[in-house]
Amino acid sequence: MYKVITIGDPLVDTHIKIDHDDIDWTLEDKNQKICLNYGHKIPVSDSFQALGGNAANVAVGLQKLGLKTALLGTVGKDTRGKFILNELKKHKIDTAHITFDKKNETRYSVILNYKGERTILSYSKKKNYVWPKKVPTCGWIYYTSLSKGFEDMQRKMLEHLSKHPTVRLAINPGSFMIKYGLNSIKEIIPKADLLFVNKEEAEKILGLTRSFSMEGLAKKLLNLGVKEVVITNGNKGSWADDNKKIYFQKPFPVPVVAKTGAGDAFASGYLAGKINNKNIKECLLWGTANSSGLIQKQGAQNGLLNKAGVIKMIEQYKSK
């Protein structure tokens, strides 16, 4: 039996580190922008390719925390697809339920890392998703970023959940799903035990035209029917609400190298805490610890912690 099956698009991330003094960095209306000179050669200090995608990042995070995990998704019949399968196997993630789309390429992204923050250029096209004839037994499904065509996959997942009522559902809708399939996302939220979003995603799901407090956002999301909601807001911290009480956790004061995958690291830490029967406050600590480990290294998995590492990180920083 698997503790968790993650559902989403695995992809290949090409990380590019930019830290040259000639780059123009501007601050306008609180929105930071990287400005590159058009037609120029831009120097970089490092680059590498790695496994990426929300489903893959969370699967690796959970596996490293001692939870047996499988990934259900689709890749193309190309070199990137082969790379993804090999990388997942290295992390001991079950790939038996990954299907191949012979007509479409594997998803990929280019990640520009500059001064600890990341800007992502993402490639995504419609996928021919296939729901497996037999899905292995699991305790949780973690449903996250898919491409165009995800609606049929979601419908079949809901059918599976209706036949297996003991399976719990955590969701973290991807940016494409929120932008182009918001009605479908709103249909599944009431079925979820746990919803992970950042502040911007929460506002988009709710269709807000004015700002609300984090407490207000959490209450509005709970009103959609989800049992528990977790909202992250970068270096301002994280909030969790189960309709009984809202909890807050400030970030740990660790040095930031790169933030790619920080949200996924947080989600895998929080969910691992729940599976280990921790209360909400402790789950926030687990999520914060795991993301704190992640952001101290380049890549979306290199800094992920094991269970002992999470406990050590919490002991070091929880009172600071």
C-alpha atoms as a PDB file:
ATOM      1  CA  MET A   1       0.000   0.000   0.000  1.00  0.00           C
ATOM      2  CA  TYR A   2       1.196   3.496  -0.832  1.00  0.00           C
ATOM      3  CA  LYS A   3       0.898   6.298   1.662  1.00  0.00           C
ATOM      4  CA  VAL A   4       0.444   8.825  -1.155  1.00  0.00           C
ATOM      5  CA  ILE A   5      -0.109   8.861  -4.909  1.00  0.00           C
ATOM      6  CA  THR A   6       0.724  12.204  -6.493  1.00  0.00           C
ATOM      7  CA  ILE A   7      -1.108  13.152  -9.709  1.00  0.00           C
ATOM      8  CA  GLY A   8       0.358  15.767 -12.037  1.00  0.00           C
ATOM      9  CA  ASP A   9       2.777  16.510 -14.855  1.00  0.00           C
ATOM     10  CA  PRO A  10       6.410  15.663 -14.169  1.00  0.00           C
ATOM     11  CA  LEU A  11       8.751  17.840 -16.180  1.00  0.00           C
ATOM     12  CA  VAL A  12      12.367  18.730 -16.841  1.00  0.00           C
ATOM     13  CA  ASP A  13      13.623  21.970 -15.284  1.00  0.00           C
ATOM     14  CA  THR A  14      16.576  23.800 -16.806  1.00  0.00           C
ATOM     15  CA  HIS A  15      17.971  26.016 -14.044  1.00  0.00           C
ATOM     16  CA  ILE A  16      19.970  29.085 -15.057  1.00  0.00           C
ATOM     17  CA  LYS A  17      21.707  31.201 -12.432  1.00  0.00           C
ATOM     18  CA  ILE A  18      22.072  34.871 -13.309  1.00  0.00           C
ATOM     19  CA  ASP A  19      24.113  37.058 -10.997  1.00  0.00           C
ATOM     20  CA  HIS A  20      26.020  39.424 -13.303  1.00  0.00           C
ATOM     21  CA  ASP A  21      26.293  43.072 -12.263  1.00  0.00           C
ATOM     22  CA  ASP A  22      25.263  44.349 -15.706  1.00  0.00           C
ATOM     23  CA  ILE A  23      21.660  43.154 -15.391  1.00  0.00           C
ATOM     24  CA  ASP A  24      19.146  45.936 -14.852  1.00  0.00           C
ATOM     25  CA  TRP A  25      17.048  45.272 -11.743  1.00  0.00           C
ATOM     26  CA  THR A  26      14.108  47.634 -11.259  1.00  0.00           C
ATOM     27  CA  LEU A  27      11.413  48.065  -8.642  1.00  0.00           C
ATOM     28  CA  GLU A  28       8.106  49.457  -9.895  1.00  0.00           C
ATOM     29  CA  ASP A  29       4.897  49.571  -7.884  1.00  0.00           C
ATOM     30  CA  LYS A  30       6.212  46.856  -5.581  1.00  0.00           C
ATOM     31  CA  ASN A  31       6.588  44.490  -8.559  1.00  0.00           C
ATOM     32  CA  GLN A  32      10.198  43.493  -9.134  1.00  0.00           C
ATOM     33  CA  LYS A  33      11.242  42.961 -12.753  1.00  0.00           C
ATOM     34  CA  ILE A  34      14.364  41.558 -14.365  1.00  0.00           C
ATOM     35  CA  CYS A  35      15.217  43.630 -17.449  1.00  0.00           C
ATOM     36  CA  LEU A  36      17.568  41.999 -19.974  1.00  0.00           C
ATOM     37  CA  ASN A  37      19.062  44.019 -22.813  1.00  0.00           C
ATOM     38  CA  TYR A  38      17.320  42.919 -26.022  1.00  0.00           C
ATOM     39  CA  GLY A  39      19.671  41.257 -28.542  1.00  0.00           C
ATOM     40  CA  HIS A  40      22.581  41.045 -26.076  1.00  0.00           C
ATOM     41  CA  LYS A  41      24.448  38.041 -24.732  1.00  0.00           C
ATOM     42  CA  ILE A  42      23.611  37.636 -21.052  1.00  0.00           C
ATOM     43  CA  PRO A  43      26.303  35.963 -18.918  1.00  0.00           C
ATOM     44  CA  VAL A  44      25.259  33.173 -16.550  1.00  0.00           C
ATOM     45  CA  SER A  45      27.224  31.657 -13.694  1.00  0.00           C
ATOM     46  CA  ASP A  46      25.692  28.181 -13.627  1.00  0.00           C
ATOM     47  CA  SER A  47      23.107  25.963 -15.301  1.00  0.00           C
ATOM     48  CA  PHE A  48      21.848  22.410 -14.906  1.00  0.00           C
ATOM     49  CA  GLN A  49      18.848  20.206 -15.679  1.00  0.00           C
ATOM     50  CA  ALA A  50      16.802  18.413 -13.057  1.00  0.00           C
ATOM     51  CA  LEU A  51      13.531  16.640 -12.411  1.00  0.00           C
ATOM     52  CA  GLY A  52      10.703  19.103 -11.733  1.00  0.00           C
ATOM     53  CA  GLY A  53       6.964  19.652 -11.596  1.00  0.00           C
ATOM     54  CA  ASN A  54       4.748  19.872  -8.528  1.00  0.00           C
ATOM     55  CA  ALA A  55       3.755  16.194  -8.532  1.00  0.00           C
ATOM     56  CA  ALA A  56       7.354  15.012  -8.859  1.00  0.00           C
ATOM     57  CA  ASN A  57       8.688  17.468  -6.269  1.00  0.00           C
ATOM     58  CA  VAL A  58       6.072  16.455  -3.713  1.00  0.00           C
ATOM     59  CA  ALA A  59       6.546  12.752  -4.456  1.00  0.00           C
ATOM     60  CA  VAL A  60      10.300  13.021  -3.865  1.00  0.00           C
ATOM     61  CA  GLY A  61       9.720  15.073  -0.712  1.00  0.00           C
ATOM     62  CA  LEU A  62       7.313  12.510   0.735  1.00  0.00           C
ATOM     63  CA  GLN A  63       9.523   9.571  -0.211  1.00  0.00           C
ATOM     64  CA  LYS A  64      12.484  11.218   1.492  1.00  0.00           C
ATOM     65  CA  LEU A  65      10.333  11.667   4.594  1.00  0.00           C
ATOM     66  CA  GLY A  66       9.808   7.901   4.697  1.00  0.00           C
ATOM     67  CA  LEU A  67       6.421   7.658   2.975  1.00  0.00           C
ATOM     68  CA  LYS A  68       6.009   5.152   0.135  1.00  0.00           C
ATOM     69  CA  THR A  69       4.892   7.156  -2.890  1.00  0.00           C
ATOM     70  CA  ALA A  70       3.868   6.630  -6.519  1.00  0.00           C
ATOM     71  CA  LEU A  71       3.338   9.187  -9.281  1.00  0.00           C
ATOM     72  CA  LEU A  72       0.477   9.105 -11.761  1.00  0.00           C
ATOM     73  CA  GLY A  73       1.023  11.300 -14.817  1.00  0.00           C
ATOM     74  CA  THR A  74       1.902  11.504 -18.494  1.00  0.00           C
ATOM     75  CA  VAL A  75       5.154  12.148 -20.364  1.00  0.00           C
ATOM     76  CA  GLY A  76       6.049  12.220 -24.041  1.00  0.00           C
ATOM     77  CA  LYS A  77       7.943   9.564 -25.954  1.00  0.00           C
ATOM     78  CA  ASP A  78      11.081  11.704 -25.980  1.00  0.00           C
ATOM     79  CA  THR A  79      14.414  12.111 -24.232  1.00  0.00           C
ATOM     80  CA  ARG A  80      12.889  14.328 -21.531  1.00  0.00           C
ATOM     81  CA  GLY A  81      10.351  11.621 -20.730  1.00  0.00           C
ATOM     82  CA  LYS A  82      13.127   9.046 -20.355  1.00  0.00           C
ATOM     83  CA  PHE A  83      15.095  11.454 -18.170  1.00  0.00           C
ATOM     84  CA  ILE A  84      12.099  11.919 -15.879  1.00  0.00           C
ATOM     85  CA  LEU A  85      11.508   8.185 -15.461  1.00  0.00           C
ATOM     86  CA  ASN A  86      15.170   7.591 -14.634  1.00  0.00           C
ATOM     87  CA  GLU A  87      15.230  10.405 -12.085  1.00  0.00           C
ATOM     88  CA  LEU A  88      12.032   9.237 -10.379  1.00  0.00           C
ATOM     89  CA  LYS A  89      13.430   5.714 -10.116  1.00  0.00           C
ATOM     90  CA  LYS A  90      16.603   7.098  -8.511  1.00  0.00           C
ATOM     91  CA  HIS A  91      14.365   8.578  -5.811  1.00  0.00           C
ATOM     92  CA  LYS A  92      12.508   5.240  -5.464  1.00  0.00           C
ATOM     93  CA  ILE A  93       9.223   6.685  -6.752  1.00  0.00           C
ATOM     94  CA  ASP A  94       6.974   4.083  -8.391  1.00  0.00           C
ATOM     95  CA  THR A  95       6.646   4.984 -12.092  1.00  0.00           C
ATOM     96  CA  ALA A  96       4.440   2.044 -13.123  1.00  0.00           C
ATOM     97  CA  HIS A  97       1.424   4.326 -13.532  1.00  0.00           C
ATOM     98  CA  ILE A  98       3.057   6.956 -15.739  1.00  0.00           C
ATOM     99  CA  THR A  99       1.667   6.788 -19.281  1.00  0.00           C
ATOM    100  CA  PHE A 100       3.194   7.911 -22.577  1.00  0.00           C
ATOM    101  CA  ASP A 101       1.671  10.446 -24.942  1.00  0.00           C
ATOM    102  CA  LYS A 102       3.060   9.592 -28.382  1.00  0.00           C
ATOM    103  CA  LYS A 103       1.785  12.815 -29.975  1.00  0.00           C
ATOM    104  CA  ASN A 104       2.899  15.455 -27.481  1.00  0.00           C
ATOM    105  CA  GLU A 105       6.203  16.430 -25.926  1.00  0.00           C
ATOM    106  CA  THR A 106       7.097  16.122 -22.280  1.00  0.00           C
ATOM    107  CA  ARG A 107       6.594  19.343 -20.336  1.00  0.00           C
ATOM    108  CA  TYR A 108       9.648  21.446 -19.507  1.00  0.00           C
ATOM    109  CA  SER A 109      10.558  24.791 -18.018  1.00  0.00           C
ATOM    110  CA  VAL A 110      13.452  27.228 -17.916  1.00  0.00           C
ATOM    111  CA  ILE A 111      14.049  28.698 -14.474  1.00  0.00           C
ATOM    112  CA  LEU A 112      15.954  31.958 -14.113  1.00  0.00           C
ATOM    113  CA  ASN A 113      17.451  32.201 -10.632  1.00  0.00           C
ATOM    114  CA  TYR A 114      18.517  35.709  -9.606  1.00  0.00           C
ATOM    115  CA  LYS A 115      19.246  36.945  -6.089  1.00  0.00           C
ATOM    116  CA  GLY A 116      17.465  33.967  -4.521  1.00  0.00           C
ATOM    117  CA  GLU A 117      14.184  34.449  -6.430  1.00  0.00           C
ATOM    118  CA  ARG A 118      13.084  32.550  -9.522  1.00  0.00           C
ATOM    119  CA  THR A 119      11.284  33.412 -12.737  1.00  0.00           C
ATOM    120  CA  ILE A 120       9.851  30.417 -14.609  1.00  0.00           C
ATOM    121  CA  LEU A 121       9.337  30.080 -18.361  1.00  0.00           C
ATOM    122  CA  SER A 122       6.996  27.107 -18.727  1.00  0.00           C
ATOM    123  CA  TYR A 123       6.123  24.955 -21.752  1.00  0.00           C
ATOM    124  CA  SER A 124       2.732  23.243 -21.594  1.00  0.00           C
ATOM    125  CA  LYS A 125       0.451  21.799 -24.265  1.00  0.00           C
ATOM    126  CA  LYS A 126      -2.616  19.576 -24.260  1.00  0.00           C
ATOM    127  CA  LYS A 127      -1.965  16.034 -23.068  1.00  0.00           C
ATOM    128  CA  ASN A 128      -3.768  12.805 -23.800  1.00  0.00           C
ATOM    129  CA  TYR A 129      -4.133  11.731 -20.187  1.00  0.00           C
ATOM    130  CA  VAL A 130      -4.960   8.114 -19.359  1.00  0.00           C
ATOM    131  CA  TRP A 131      -6.417   6.992 -16.039  1.00  0.00           C
ATOM    132  CA  PRO A 132      -4.935   3.581 -15.124  1.00  0.00           C
ATOM    133  CA  LYS A 133      -7.205   0.540 -15.247  1.00  0.00           C
ATOM    134  CA  LYS A 134      -6.022  -0.359 -11.782  1.00  0.00           C
ATOM    135  CA  VAL A 135      -4.886   2.210  -9.242  1.00  0.00           C
ATOM    136  CA  PRO A 136      -2.926   0.836  -6.269  1.00  0.00           C
ATOM    137  CA  THR A 137      -4.254   1.174  -2.739  1.00  0.00           C
ATOM    138  CA  CYS A 138      -3.224   4.387  -1.007  1.00  0.00           C
ATOM    139  CA  GLY A 139      -4.051   6.554   1.979  1.00  0.00           C
ATOM    140  CA  TRP A 140      -3.883   9.917   0.218  1.00  0.00           C
ATOM    141  CA  ILE A 141      -4.036  11.333  -3.307  1.00  0.00           C
ATOM    142  CA  TYR A 142      -2.152  14.582  -3.895  1.00  0.00           C
ATOM    143  CA  TYR A 143      -3.655  16.242  -6.983  1.00  0.00           C
ATOM    144  CA  THR A 144      -1.720  19.055  -8.595  1.00  0.00           C
ATOM    145  CA  SER A 145      -0.575  20.731 -11.817  1.00  0.00           C
ATOM    146  CA  LEU A 146      -1.816  19.271 -15.128  1.00  0.00           C
ATOM    147  CA  SER A 147      -2.032  20.693 -18.656  1.00  0.00           C
ATOM    148  CA  LYS A 148      -4.900  21.265 -21.064  1.00  0.00           C
ATOM    149  CA  GLY A 149      -7.171  18.237 -21.101  1.00  0.00           C
ATOM    150  CA  PHE A 150      -7.020  17.692 -17.328  1.00  0.00           C
ATOM    151  CA  GLU A 151     -10.806  17.758 -16.848  1.00  0.00           C
ATOM    152  CA  ASP A 152     -11.376  14.152 -17.959  1.00  0.00           C
ATOM    153  CA  MET A 153      -8.529  12.990 -15.726  1.00  0.00           C
ATOM    154  CA  GLN A 154     -10.110  14.832 -12.805  1.00  0.00           C
ATOM    155  CA  ARG A 155     -13.515  13.282 -13.477  1.00  0.00           C
ATOM    156  CA  LYS A 156     -12.036   9.776 -13.421  1.00  0.00           C
ATOM    157  CA  MET A 157     -10.142  10.561 -10.233  1.00  0.00           C
ATOM    158  CA  LEU A 158     -13.402  11.631  -8.577  1.00  0.00           C
ATOM    159  CA  GLU A 159     -15.038   8.403  -9.724  1.00  0.00           C
ATOM    160  CA  HIS A 160     -12.165   6.495  -8.141  1.00  0.00           C
ATOM    161  CA  LEU A 161     -12.535   8.426  -4.889  1.00  0.00           C
ATOM    162  CA  SER A 162     -16.269   7.732  -4.764  1.00  0.00           C
ATOM    163  CA  LYS A 163     -15.501   4.000  -4.952  1.00  0.00           C
ATOM    164  CA  HIS A 164     -12.758   4.288  -2.317  1.00  0.00           C
ATOM    165  CA  PRO A 165     -14.147   6.633   0.354  1.00  0.00           C
ATOM    166  CA  THR A 166     -11.299   6.013   2.799  1.00  0.00           C
ATOM    167  CA  VAL A 167      -8.785   7.654   0.456  1.00  0.00           C
ATOM    168  CA  ARG A 168      -8.173  11.259   1.433  1.00  0.00           C
ATOM    169  CA  LEU A 169      -7.606  14.042  -1.093  1.00  0.00           C
ATOM    170  CA  ALA A 170      -5.112  16.907  -0.977  1.00  0.00           C
ATOM    171  CA  ILE A 171      -5.085  19.391  -3.853  1.00  0.00           C
ATOM    172  CA  ASN A 172      -2.733  22.117  -5.052  1.00  0.00           C
ATOM    173  CA  PRO A 173      -4.124  23.414  -8.370  1.00  0.00           C
ATOM    174  CA  GLY A 174      -1.530  24.365 -10.972  1.00  0.00           C
ATOM    175  CA  SER A 175      -1.384  27.803 -12.584  1.00  0.00           C
ATOM    176  CA  PHE A 176      -2.790  26.521 -15.911  1.00  0.00           C
ATOM    177  CA  MET A 177      -5.692  24.827 -14.127  1.00  0.00           C
ATOM    178  CA  ILE A 178      -6.561  28.007 -12.217  1.00  0.00           C
ATOM    179  CA  LYS A 179      -6.262  30.244 -15.280  1.00  0.00           C
ATOM    180  CA  TYR A 180      -8.097  28.098 -17.825  1.00  0.00           C
ATOM    181  CA  GLY A 181     -10.085  25.553 -15.813  1.00  0.00           C
ATOM    182  CA  LEU A 182     -11.215  27.434 -12.727  1.00  0.00           C
ATOM    183  CA  ASN A 183     -14.777  26.095 -12.838  1.00  0.00           C
ATOM    184  CA  SER A 184     -13.447  22.526 -12.757  1.00  0.00           C
ATOM    185  CA  ILE A 185     -11.173  23.398  -9.852  1.00  0.00           C
ATOM    186  CA  LYS A 186     -14.075  24.884  -7.921  1.00  0.00           C
ATOM    187  CA  GLU A 187     -16.017  21.642  -8.481  1.00  0.00           C
ATOM    188  CA  ILE A 188     -13.317  19.538  -6.832  1.00  0.00           C
ATOM    189  CA  ILE A 189     -12.490  21.796  -3.875  1.00  0.00           C
ATOM    190  CA  PRO A 190     -15.545  20.645  -1.846  1.00  0.00           C
ATOM    191  CA  LYS A 191     -14.308  17.046  -2.247  1.00  0.00           C
ATOM    192  CA  ALA A 192     -10.902  17.835  -0.765  1.00  0.00           C
ATOM    193  CA  ASP A 193      -9.670  17.170   2.736  1.00  0.00           C
ATOM    194  CA  LEU A 194      -6.776  19.578   2.304  1.00  0.00           C
ATOM    195  CA  LEU A 195      -6.132  22.543  -0.019  1.00  0.00           C
ATOM    196  CA  PHE A 196      -2.669  24.046  -0.532  1.00  0.00           C
ATOM    197  CA  VAL A 197      -2.409  27.470  -2.195  1.00  0.00           C
ATOM    198  CA  ASN A 198      -0.257  30.550  -2.019  1.00  0.00           C
ATOM    199  CA  LYS A 199      -1.793  33.972  -1.473  1.00  0.00           C
ATOM    200  CA  GLU A 200      -1.998  34.836  -5.193  1.00  0.00           C
ATOM    201  CA  GLU A 201      -3.591  31.480  -6.038  1.00  0.00           C
ATOM    202  CA  ALA A 202      -6.164  31.947  -3.271  1.00  0.00           C
ATOM    203  CA  GLU A 203      -7.126  35.355  -4.651  1.00  0.00           C
ATOM    204  CA  LYS A 204      -7.465  33.998  -8.198  1.00  0.00           C
ATOM    205  CA  ILE A 205      -9.608  31.042  -7.110  1.00  0.00           C
ATOM    206  CA  LEU A 206     -11.888  33.388  -5.189  1.00  0.00           C
ATOM    207  CA  GLY A 207     -11.988  35.965  -7.993  1.00  0.00           C
ATOM    208  CA  LEU A 208     -11.203  38.790  -5.600  1.00  0.00           C
ATOM    209  CA  THR A 209     -10.934  42.382  -6.780  1.00  0.00           C
ATOM    210  CA  ARG A 210      -9.753  43.741  -3.435  1.00  0.00           C
ATOM    211  CA  SER A 211      -7.328  42.507  -0.820  1.00  0.00           C
ATOM    212  CA  PHE A 212      -8.324  40.487   2.238  1.00  0.00           C
ATOM    213  CA  SER A 213      -6.414  39.427   5.325  1.00  0.00           C
ATOM    214  CA  MET A 214      -4.973  35.921   5.324  1.00  0.00           C
ATOM    215  CA  GLU A 215      -7.628  34.985   7.861  1.00  0.00           C
ATOM    216  CA  GLY A 216     -10.291  36.317   5.503  1.00  0.00           C
ATOM    217  CA  LEU A 217      -8.858  34.376   2.562  1.00  0.00           C
ATOM    218  CA  ALA A 218      -8.790  31.168   4.585  1.00  0.00           C
ATOM    219  CA  LYS A 219     -12.434  31.564   5.642  1.00  0.00           C
ATOM    220  CA  LYS A 220     -13.568  32.249   2.088  1.00  0.00           C
ATOM    221  CA  LEU A 221     -11.767  29.127   0.840  1.00  0.00           C
ATOM    222  CA  LEU A 222     -13.272  27.032   3.627  1.00  0.00           C
ATOM    223  CA  ASN A 223     -16.695  28.300   2.563  1.00  0.00           C
ATOM    224  CA  LEU A 224     -16.118  26.515  -0.762  1.00  0.00           C
ATOM    225  CA  GLY A 225     -16.361  23.233   1.140  1.00  0.00           C
ATOM    226  CA  VAL A 226     -12.777  22.077   1.705  1.00  0.00           C
ATOM    227  CA  LYS A 227     -12.112  20.680   5.194  1.00  0.00           C
ATOM    228  CA  GLU A 228      -8.713  22.292   5.787  1.00  0.00           C
ATOM    229  CA  VAL A 229      -6.844  25.051   3.962  1.00  0.00           C
ATOM    230  CA  VAL A 230      -3.169  26.009   4.017  1.00  0.00           C
ATOM    231  CA  ILE A 231      -2.018  29.335   2.553  1.00  0.00           C
ATOM    232  CA  THR A 232       1.616  30.328   2.099  1.00  0.00           C
ATOM    233  CA  ASN A 233       2.844  33.867   1.484  1.00  0.00           C
ATOM    234  CA  GLY A 234       6.570  33.717   0.812  1.00  0.00           C
ATOM    235  CA  ASN A 235       8.760  35.265   3.474  1.00  0.00           C
ATOM    236  CA  LYS A 236       5.683  36.452   5.408  1.00  0.00           C
ATOM    237  CA  GLY A 237       4.836  32.951   6.611  1.00  0.00           C
ATOM    238  CA  SER A 238       2.076  30.354   6.350  1.00  0.00           C
ATOM    239  CA  TRP A 239      -1.452  29.970   7.698  1.00  0.00           C
ATOM    240  CA  ALA A 240      -3.651  26.892   8.227  1.00  0.00           C
ATOM    241  CA  ASP A 241      -7.350  26.801   9.102  1.00  0.00           C
ATOM    242  CA  ASP A 242      -9.632  23.812   9.766  1.00  0.00           C
ATOM    243  CA  ASN A 243     -12.807  25.840  10.457  1.00  0.00           C
ATOM    244  CA  LYS A 244     -12.070  25.602  14.177  1.00  0.00           C
ATOM    245  CA  LYS A 245      -8.999  27.770  14.552  1.00  0.00           C
ATOM    246  CA  ILE A 246      -6.477  29.499  12.309  1.00  0.00           C
ATOM    247  CA  TYR A 247      -2.782  28.947  12.931  1.00  0.00           C
ATOM    248  CA  PHE A 248       0.244  30.970  11.782  1.00  0.00           C
ATOM    249  CA  GLN A 249       3.875  30.011  11.353  1.00  0.00           C
ATOM    250  CA  LYS A 250       6.633  32.483  10.565  1.00  0.00           C
ATOM    251  CA  PRO A 251       9.508  31.422   8.289  1.00  0.00           C
ATOM    252  CA  PHE A 252      12.763  30.155   9.746  1.00  0.00           C
ATOM    253  CA  PRO A 253      15.669  32.631   9.386  1.00  0.00           C
ATOM    254  CA  VAL A 254      17.797  30.591   6.998  1.00  0.00           C
ATOM    255  CA  PRO A 255      19.936  31.857   4.095  1.00  0.00           C
ATOM    256  CA  VAL A 256      18.167  31.720   0.728  1.00  0.00           C
ATOM    257  CA  VAL A 257      20.019  30.339  -2.303  1.00  0.00           C
ATOM    258  CA  ALA A 258      17.024  29.582  -4.578  1.00  0.00           C
ATOM    259  CA  LYS A 259      13.276  29.319  -4.001  1.00  0.00           C
ATOM    260  CA  THR A 260      12.330  26.906  -6.796  1.00  0.00           C
ATOM    261  CA  GLY A 261      10.192  24.129  -5.298  1.00  0.00           C
ATOM    262  CA  ALA A 262       9.761  25.823  -1.914  1.00  0.00           C
ATOM    263  CA  GLY A 263       5.962  25.507  -2.035  1.00  0.00           C
ATOM    264  CA  ASP A 264       6.166  21.834  -2.923  1.00  0.00           C
ATOM    265  CA  ALA A 265       8.671  21.211  -0.138  1.00  0.00           C
ATOM    266  CA  PHE A 266       6.313  22.928   2.284  1.00  0.00           C
ATOM    267  CA  ALA A 267       3.351  20.838   1.086  1.00  0.00           C
ATOM    268  CA  SER A 268       5.242  17.549   1.353  1.00  0.00           C
ATOM    269  CA  GLY A 269       6.406  18.448   4.851  1.00  0.00           C
ATOM    270  CA  TYR A 270       2.923  19.489   5.975  1.00  0.00           C
ATOM    271  CA  LEU A 271       1.268  16.381   4.496  1.00  0.00           C
ATOM    272  CA  ALA A 272       3.928  14.131   6.001  1.00  0.00           C
ATOM    273  CA  GLY A 273       3.160  15.705   9.361  1.00  0.00           C
ATOM    274  CA  LYS A 274      -0.534  14.888   8.969  1.00  0.00           C
ATOM    275  CA  ILE A 275       0.227  11.303   7.996  1.00  0.00           C
ATOM    276  CA  ASN A 276       2.429  11.082  11.098  1.00  0.00           C
ATOM    277  CA  ASN A 277      -0.565  12.195  13.205  1.00  0.00           C
ATOM    278  CA  LYS A 278       0.770  15.655  13.994  1.00  0.00           C
ATOM    279  CA  ASN A 279      -1.583  18.516  14.859  1.00  0.00           C
ATOM    280  CA  ILE A 280      -1.956  21.537  12.582  1.00  0.00           C
ATOM    281  CA  LYS A 281       0.635  23.641  14.402  1.00  0.00           C
ATOM    282  CA  GLU A 282       3.153  20.818  14.156  1.00  0.00           C
ATOM    283  CA  CYS A 283       2.304  20.286  10.478  1.00  0.00           C
ATOM    284  CA  LEU A 284       3.083  23.947   9.811  1.00  0.00           C
ATOM    285  CA  LEU A 285       6.450  23.432  11.487  1.00  0.00           C
ATOM    286  CA  TRP A 286       7.141  20.347   9.359  1.00  0.00           C
ATOM    287  CA  GLY A 287       6.279  22.254   6.201  1.00  0.00           C
ATOM    288  CA  THR A 288       8.364  25.263   7.203  1.00  0.00           C
ATOM    289  CA  ALA A 289      11.345  23.081   8.112  1.00  0.00           C
ATOM    290  CA  ASN A 290      11.273  21.186   4.829  1.00  0.00           C
ATOM    291  CA  SER A 291      10.988  24.342   2.706  1.00  0.00           C
ATOM    292  CA  SER A 292      13.766  25.936   4.783  1.00  0.00           C
ATOM    293  CA  GLY A 293      16.062  23.047   3.906  1.00  0.00           C
ATOM    294  CA  LEU A 294      15.073  23.227   0.256  1.00  0.00           C
ATOM    295  CA  ILE A 295      15.773  26.938  -0.297  1.00  0.00           C
ATOM    296  CA  GLN A 296      19.345  26.630   0.962  1.00  0.00           C
ATOM    297  CA  LYS A 297      20.353  24.696  -2.165  1.00  0.00           C
ATOM    298  CA  GLN A 298      19.852  24.963  -5.923  1.00  0.00           C
ATOM    299  CA  GLY A 299      17.166  22.750  -7.481  1.00  0.00           C
ATOM    300  CA  ALA A 300      13.692  21.628  -6.496  1.00  0.00           C
ATOM    301  CA  GLN A 301      14.803  18.529  -4.547  1.00  0.00           C
ATOM    302  CA  ASN A 302      18.446  18.890  -3.498  1.00  0.00           C
ATOM    303  CA  GLY A 303      17.695  20.499  -0.148  1.00  0.00           C
ATOM    304  CA  LEU A 304      14.730  18.328   0.847  1.00  0.00           C
ATOM    305  CA  LEU A 305      15.005  16.894   4.350  1.00  0.00           C
ATOM    306  CA  ASN A 306      14.437  13.447   5.785  1.00  0.00           C
ATOM    307  CA  LYS A 307      12.406  13.001   8.959  1.00  0.00           C
ATOM    308  CA  ALA A 308      15.430  13.401  11.234  1.00  0.00           C
ATOM    309  CA  GLY A 309      16.416  16.552   9.347  1.00  0.00           C
ATOM    310  CA  VAL A 310      12.926  18.043   9.780  1.00  0.00           C
ATOM    311  CA  ILE A 311      12.967  17.379  13.516  1.00  0.00           C
ATOM    312  CA  LYS A 312      16.458  18.842  13.845  1.00  0.00           C
ATOM    313  CA  MET A 313      15.481  21.967  11.879  1.00  0.00           C
ATOM    314  CA  ILE A 314      12.394  22.489  14.046  1.00  0.00           C
ATOM    315  CA  GLU A 315      14.383  22.152  17.259  1.00  0.00           C
ATOM    316  CA  GLN A 316      16.899  24.680  15.966  1.00  0.00           C
ATOM    317  CA  TYR A 317      14.476  27.372  14.837  1.00  0.00           C
ATOM    318  CA  LYS A 318      10.994  26.970  16.304  1.00  0.00           C
ATOM    319  CA  SER A 319      11.573  29.396  19.186  1.00  0.00           C
ATOM    320  CA  LYS A 320      13.387  32.035  17.102  1.00  0.00           C
END
